[in-house]
Amino acid sequence: VQLVESGGGMVQPGGSLRLSCAASGFTFRIYDMSWVRQAPGKGPELVSRISTGGSGTYYADDVKGRFTISRDNAKNTLYLQMNSLKPEDTALYYCTRVGSSFRGQGTQVTVSS
């Protein structure tokens, strides 16, 4: 199993980023997937989750309306579109296969003026 995130970076408040997670080594389309973030000095926080077909989604309250999770099962890729970013969104973001300990190495998102 391999999960490789990309798309992070530094952005000003109010800006946008699109994270990607390329999955390999397992049958991507049959697993729910999620994005988790961890800020310095804090524990992991579930940001969003998506069902196998993409029709079912969950968002943490503090990202609802700003972030959109999606997936392309043909490309074995998970996405997180992040808009209206705030400084408190600063964290290491990583994707996980729901129900397992598999996770990627993460991509850093820094929101700062």
Protein backbone atom coordinates (compact mmCIF):
# COMPACT_ATOMS: atom_id res chain seq x y z
CA VAL A 1 0.00 0.00 0.00
CA GLN A 2 1.30 3.42 -0.93
CA LEU A 3 -0.33 6.80 -0.47
CA VAL A 4 1.50 9.86 -1.80
CA GLU A 5 0.19 13.35 -1.12
CA SER A 6 1.02 16.49 -3.06
CA GLY A 7 -0.23 20.01 -3.56
CA GLY A 8 0.61 21.63 -0.27
CA GLY A 9 2.43 24.90 0.11
CA MET A 10 2.30 28.35 1.59
CA VAL A 11 -0.69 30.54 0.83
CA GLN A 12 -2.13 33.80 2.15
CA PRO A 13 -5.34 33.83 4.17
CA GLY A 14 -8.30 33.57 1.84
CA GLY A 15 -6.32 31.61 -0.70
CA SER A 16 -6.89 28.15 -2.14
CA LEU A 17 -4.99 24.92 -2.54
CA ARG A 18 -5.85 21.55 -4.04
CA LEU A 19 -4.32 18.51 -2.41
CA SER A 20 -3.96 15.19 -4.20
CA CYS A 21 -3.32 11.70 -2.87
CA ALA A 22 -2.13 9.07 -5.32
CA ALA A 23 -2.95 5.56 -4.15
CA SER A 24 -1.37 2.29 -5.23
CA GLY A 25 -0.95 -1.26 -4.03
CA PHE A 26 -4.60 -1.86 -3.22
CA THR A 27 -8.05 -1.70 -4.85
CA PHE A 28 -8.70 1.99 -4.28
CA ARG A 29 -12.32 2.00 -5.40
CA ILE A 30 -13.56 -0.34 -2.66
CA TYR A 31 -12.34 1.71 0.29
CA ASP A 32 -13.61 4.83 1.96
CA MET A 33 -10.83 7.38 2.14
CA SER A 34 -10.16 10.36 4.36
CA TRP A 35 -8.00 13.41 4.88
CA VAL A 36 -6.50 14.00 8.30
CA ARG A 37 -4.43 16.95 9.47
CA GLN A 38 -2.09 17.50 12.35
CA ALA A 39 -0.99 20.92 13.50
CA PRO A 40 2.19 21.39 15.55
CA GLY A 41 1.63 20.40 19.15
CA LYS A 42 -1.83 19.00 18.46
CA GLY A 43 -3.29 15.58 17.81
CA PRO A 44 -4.58 14.33 14.47
CA GLU A 45 -7.91 15.76 13.32
CA LEU A 46 -10.22 14.13 10.80
CA VAL A 47 -10.89 16.78 8.17
CA SER A 48 -13.04 14.93 5.66
CA ARG A 49 -14.07 11.49 4.53
CA ILE A 50 -15.55 10.12 1.31
CA SER A 51 -17.36 6.90 0.50
CA THR A 52 -16.26 4.44 -2.15
CA GLY A 53 -18.36 5.92 -4.94
CA GLY A 54 -17.99 9.49 -3.78
CA SER A 55 -21.63 10.14 -2.97
CA GLY A 56 -21.18 10.12 0.79
CA THR A 57 -19.02 12.76 2.42
CA TYR A 58 -18.22 14.05 5.88
CA TYR A 59 -16.60 17.32 6.88
CA ALA A 60 -15.36 18.60 10.20
CA ASP A 61 -17.38 21.59 11.32
CA ASP A 62 -14.52 24.03 10.94
CA VAL A 63 -13.96 23.22 7.25
CA LYS A 64 -17.56 22.74 6.17
CA GLY A 65 -18.42 25.01 3.27
CA ARG A 66 -14.75 25.74 2.53
CA PHE A 67 -13.26 22.32 1.71
CA THR A 68 -14.47 19.77 -0.83
CA ILE A 69 -13.34 16.17 -0.92
CA SER A 70 -13.55 14.14 -4.12
CA ARG A 71 -12.05 11.08 -5.73
CA ASP A 72 -11.32 9.70 -9.18
CA ASN A 73 -11.47 5.93 -8.96
CA ALA A 74 -10.21 5.57 -12.53
CA LYS A 75 -7.04 7.43 -11.54
CA ASN A 76 -6.77 5.99 -8.00
CA THR A 77 -6.58 9.52 -6.68
CA LEU A 78 -8.15 11.37 -3.77
CA TYR A 79 -8.48 15.16 -3.73
CA LEU A 80 -9.12 17.93 -1.24
CA GLN A 81 -10.05 21.34 -2.61
CA MET A 82 -9.42 23.93 0.08
CA ASN A 83 -10.83 27.44 -0.33
CA SER A 84 -10.97 30.47 1.94
CA LEU A 85 -8.00 29.17 3.87
CA LYS A 86 -7.37 30.46 7.37
CA PRO A 87 -4.20 30.52 9.48
CA GLU A 88 -5.74 27.85 11.71
CA ASP A 89 -5.78 25.48 8.71
CA THR A 90 -1.99 25.33 8.91
CA ALA A 91 -1.02 21.68 9.40
CA LEU A 92 0.45 18.57 7.87
CA TYR A 93 -2.29 17.01 5.77
CA TYR A 94 -2.28 13.33 4.95
CA CYS A 95 -4.66 10.85 3.39
CA THR A 96 -5.66 7.58 4.95
CA ARG A 97 -7.46 4.43 3.95
CA VAL A 98 -10.40 4.32 6.34
CA GLY A 99 -10.30 1.39 8.74
CA SER A 100 -6.58 0.87 8.44
CA SER A 101 -3.36 2.36 9.69
CA PHE A 102 -2.18 3.13 6.16
CA ARG A 103 -1.36 6.78 5.60
CA GLY A 104 0.84 8.87 3.40
CA GLN A 105 3.82 10.97 4.46
CA GLY A 106 1.74 14.10 4.27
CA THR A 107 1.95 17.48 2.57
CA GLN A 108 2.46 20.69 4.53
CA VAL A 109 -0.09 23.48 4.27
CA THR A 110 0.88 26.85 5.71
CA VAL A 111 -1.54 29.76 5.71
CA SER A 112 0.15 33.01 6.59
CA SER A 113 0.32 36.61 5.51
